[in-house]
Amino acid sequence: MQCGKNPPAPLCVDGNVTDTVKCFKLLGINISDDLRWNAHVDALCAKVASRLYLLKILKRSGLPKNDLLCFYKSVICSVVEYGCVVWHHNLTTAQSDRLEALQKRALRIILHPVTLPYNTALALCEIESLKLRRCNCQQKFFKQICHPGNCLMTSSHLNVIPPFLTDCGILQFTPSLRSEQNGTAPL
């Protein structure tokens, strides 16, 4: 990650200088030094493309639609949605469209020989668009960490969690910005 024109000083751990890399994988999520998600989306697309081939083989072998949908949801969707609360909010429209195209492709395989518009295919298969599912997952995660019983909501951590805005800009949850100890706003 570069700050301004000059790269940051090398990081030393126990006297050893760490290597600087453009991209690394942490818990299955590809993180780039520029904090963009191109490498992660590329890796997802490659992984899902190979699984779509398996879906096509299952379709050719005569598996019924419900079984194909079960395979899609458990083997393919789980890959596409893994860790989405980390990276969903910062996807470009093009990246989101690339991921959505994978689901369109899967639905075409599942519903073949019938060709339907994407929204109709979603309704027929009773699934949501990937973007909507990522948004719902992100909202659910945020609500869980904002729950009063969560350890992040203790008085010492109260100011860590930012307010949450939906895609349309409506404030969904605003934690108190005053500390319980002295009633003043954080710096």
Protein backbone atom coordinates (compact mmCIF):
# COMPACT_ATOMS: atom_id res chain seq x y z
CA MET A 1 0.00 0.00 0.00
CA GLN A 2 1.53 3.32 -0.98
CA CYS A 3 0.91 6.58 0.80
CA GLY A 4 1.54 9.54 -1.45
CA LYS A 5 4.59 9.44 -3.72
CA ASN A 6 7.02 7.81 -1.31
CA PRO A 7 6.55 4.18 -0.31
CA PRO A 8 6.37 3.54 3.42
CA ALA A 9 9.45 2.38 5.29
CA PRO A 10 9.91 -1.41 5.33
CA LEU A 11 8.31 -3.22 8.23
CA CYS A 12 10.69 -5.10 10.53
CA VAL A 13 9.53 -7.94 12.76
CA ASP A 14 12.11 -9.35 15.17
CA GLY A 15 14.86 -7.77 13.09
CA ASN A 16 13.64 -9.33 9.82
CA VAL A 17 12.40 -7.09 7.03
CA THR A 18 9.04 -8.28 5.68
CA ASP A 19 8.49 -8.61 1.95
CA THR A 20 6.28 -6.13 0.16
CA VAL A 21 3.72 -7.82 -2.08
CA LYS A 22 1.10 -6.57 -4.51
CA CYS A 23 -1.54 -9.08 -3.40
CA PHE A 24 -1.93 -11.74 -0.73
CA LYS A 25 -4.60 -14.14 0.38
CA LEU A 26 -5.88 -13.84 3.94
CA LEU A 27 -8.50 -16.36 5.06
CA GLY A 28 -9.53 -16.96 1.45
CA ILE A 29 -9.86 -13.29 0.52
CA ASN A 30 -7.38 -11.75 -1.92
CA ILE A 31 -6.25 -8.36 -0.63
CA SER A 32 -4.34 -6.02 -2.95
CA ASP A 33 -1.90 -3.32 -1.92
CA ASP A 34 -4.20 -0.72 -3.50
CA LEU A 35 -7.22 -2.04 -1.53
CA ARG A 36 -9.16 -2.73 -4.71
CA TRP A 37 -10.91 -6.01 -5.33
CA ASN A 38 -9.83 -6.83 -8.89
CA ALA A 39 -7.61 -9.75 -7.84
CA HIS A 40 -10.31 -11.15 -5.57
CA VAL A 41 -13.04 -10.89 -8.21
CA ASP A 42 -10.70 -12.47 -10.80
CA ALA A 43 -9.99 -15.38 -8.44
CA LEU A 44 -13.71 -15.79 -7.71
CA CYS A 45 -14.60 -15.81 -11.40
CA ALA A 46 -11.96 -18.46 -12.15
CA LYS A 47 -13.06 -20.65 -9.25
CA VAL A 48 -16.76 -20.34 -10.10
CA ALA A 49 -16.15 -21.00 -13.82
CA SER A 50 -14.71 -24.42 -13.01
CA ARG A 51 -17.69 -25.19 -10.76
CA LEU A 52 -20.11 -24.06 -13.46
CA TYR A 53 -18.56 -26.71 -15.67
CA LEU A 54 -19.47 -29.29 -13.02
CA LEU A 55 -23.01 -27.90 -13.00
CA LYS A 56 -23.16 -28.33 -16.78
CA ILE A 57 -22.02 -31.96 -16.48
CA LEU A 58 -24.68 -32.60 -13.84
CA LYS A 59 -27.31 -31.05 -16.14
CA ARG A 60 -26.21 -33.27 -19.04
CA SER A 61 -26.46 -36.33 -16.82
CA GLY A 62 -30.16 -35.59 -16.28
CA LEU A 63 -30.24 -34.22 -12.73
CA PRO A 64 -33.57 -32.49 -11.97
CA LYS A 65 -33.81 -28.71 -11.61
CA ASN A 66 -34.20 -28.81 -7.81
CA ASP A 67 -31.02 -30.86 -7.40
CA LEU A 68 -29.14 -28.53 -9.74
CA LEU A 69 -30.33 -25.55 -7.69
CA CYS A 70 -29.22 -27.28 -4.50
CA PHE A 71 -25.77 -27.87 -6.05
CA TYR A 72 -25.62 -24.24 -7.21
CA LYS A 73 -26.56 -22.83 -3.81
CA SER A 74 -24.24 -25.06 -1.80
CA VAL A 75 -21.19 -25.36 -4.07
CA ILE A 76 -21.18 -22.17 -6.13
CA CYS A 77 -23.04 -19.48 -4.14
CA SER A 78 -21.07 -20.31 -1.03
CA VAL A 79 -17.87 -19.47 -2.92
CA VAL A 80 -19.21 -16.22 -4.41
CA GLU A 81 -20.61 -14.99 -1.10
CA TYR A 82 -17.76 -16.03 1.18
CA GLY A 83 -16.49 -13.01 3.12
CA CYS A 84 -18.73 -10.60 1.21
CA VAL A 85 -19.19 -8.39 4.28
CA VAL A 86 -15.52 -7.48 3.89
CA TRP A 87 -15.43 -6.66 0.19
CA HIS A 88 -18.99 -6.06 -1.06
CA HIS A 89 -19.23 -2.37 -0.16
CA ASN A 90 -16.19 -1.49 -2.26
CA LEU A 91 -16.96 -3.35 -5.50
CA THR A 92 -17.16 -1.37 -8.69
CA THR A 93 -20.26 -1.74 -10.85
CA ALA A 94 -18.20 -3.68 -13.39
CA GLN A 95 -16.98 -6.11 -10.73
CA SER A 96 -20.49 -6.59 -9.37
CA ASP A 97 -21.76 -7.18 -12.91
CA ARG A 98 -19.04 -9.80 -13.52
CA LEU A 99 -20.19 -11.70 -10.44
CA GLU A 100 -23.84 -11.35 -11.42
CA ALA A 101 -23.00 -12.71 -14.88
CA LEU A 102 -21.82 -15.92 -13.21
CA GLN A 103 -25.22 -16.39 -11.64
CA LYS A 104 -26.94 -15.63 -14.96
CA ARG A 105 -24.78 -18.30 -16.57
CA ALA A 106 -25.67 -20.81 -13.83
CA LEU A 107 -29.38 -20.12 -14.26
CA ARG A 108 -29.11 -20.61 -18.03
CA ILE A 109 -27.48 -24.00 -17.41
CA ILE A 110 -30.08 -25.01 -14.82
CA LEU A 111 -33.10 -23.91 -16.87
CA HIS A 112 -31.84 -25.04 -20.30
CA PRO A 113 -33.49 -25.41 -22.86
CA VAL A 114 -35.85 -22.68 -21.60
CA THR A 115 -34.44 -19.17 -22.08
CA LEU A 116 -35.85 -16.56 -19.70
CA PRO A 117 -34.95 -12.98 -18.76
CA TYR A 118 -32.70 -12.88 -15.70
CA ASN A 119 -35.31 -11.48 -13.28
CA THR A 120 -37.84 -14.08 -14.40
CA ALA A 121 -35.28 -16.86 -13.95
CA LEU A 122 -34.50 -15.56 -10.45
CA ALA A 123 -38.19 -15.60 -9.55
CA LEU A 124 -38.71 -19.06 -11.04
CA CYS A 125 -35.77 -20.48 -9.08
CA GLU A 126 -36.77 -18.51 -5.97
CA ILE A 127 -33.37 -16.92 -5.47
CA GLU A 128 -32.24 -13.31 -5.19
CA SER A 129 -29.64 -11.48 -7.22
CA LEU A 130 -26.10 -11.81 -5.88
CA LYS A 131 -25.94 -8.08 -5.17
CA LEU A 132 -29.12 -8.19 -3.11
CA ARG A 133 -27.90 -11.23 -1.18
CA ARG A 134 -24.56 -9.52 -0.47
CA CYS A 135 -26.40 -6.41 0.73
CA ASN A 136 -28.67 -8.50 2.97
CA CYS A 137 -25.70 -10.41 4.37
CA GLN A 138 -23.87 -7.16 5.08
CA GLN A 139 -26.91 -5.65 6.82
CA LYS A 140 -27.45 -8.79 8.89
CA PHE A 141 -23.79 -8.81 9.93
CA PHE A 142 -23.87 -5.14 10.87
CA LYS A 143 -27.05 -5.59 12.91
CA GLN A 144 -25.44 -8.51 14.74
CA ILE A 145 -22.35 -6.54 15.71
CA CYS A 146 -24.52 -3.56 16.71
CA HIS A 147 -26.70 -5.68 18.99
CA PRO A 148 -26.49 -4.42 22.60
CA GLY A 149 -25.30 -7.87 23.75
CA ASN A 150 -22.32 -7.84 21.37
CA CYS A 151 -18.90 -7.28 22.93
CA LEU A 152 -18.28 -4.43 20.48
CA MET A 153 -21.17 -2.49 21.99
CA THR A 154 -19.66 -2.14 25.45
CA SER A 155 -19.05 1.40 26.63
CA SER A 156 -15.33 1.21 25.85
CA HIS A 157 -16.04 0.15 22.24
CA LEU A 158 -19.21 2.15 21.59
CA ASN A 159 -17.55 4.66 19.28
CA VAL A 160 -15.85 2.02 17.10
CA ILE A 161 -18.94 1.15 15.04
CA PRO A 162 -19.95 3.74 12.40
CA PRO A 163 -23.55 4.52 11.46
CA PHE A 164 -24.98 2.31 8.72
CA LEU A 165 -26.43 3.67 5.49
CA THR A 166 -28.40 1.64 2.97
CA ASP A 167 -27.76 1.96 -0.77
CA CYS A 168 -30.45 4.64 -0.91
CA GLY A 169 -28.73 6.61 1.88
CA ILE A 170 -31.31 6.06 4.63
CA LEU A 171 -29.78 5.79 8.07
CA GLN A 172 -30.55 2.32 9.45
CA PHE A 173 -28.74 2.36 12.77
CA THR A 174 -26.85 5.05 14.59
CA PRO A 175 -24.98 4.03 17.71
CA SER A 176 -24.69 6.64 20.42
CA LEU A 177 -21.74 8.90 19.77
CA ARG A 178 -21.47 9.96 23.41
CA SER A 179 -19.45 7.94 25.84
CA GLU A 180 -21.31 6.66 28.86
CA GLN A 181 -18.57 7.76 31.22
CA ASN A 182 -18.55 11.51 30.74
CA GLY A 183 -21.31 12.25 28.19
CA THR A 184 -18.95 13.95 25.73
CA ALA A 185 -18.54 13.28 22.05
CA PRO A 186 -15.40 11.39 20.99
CA LEU A 187 -12.51 13.33 19.49
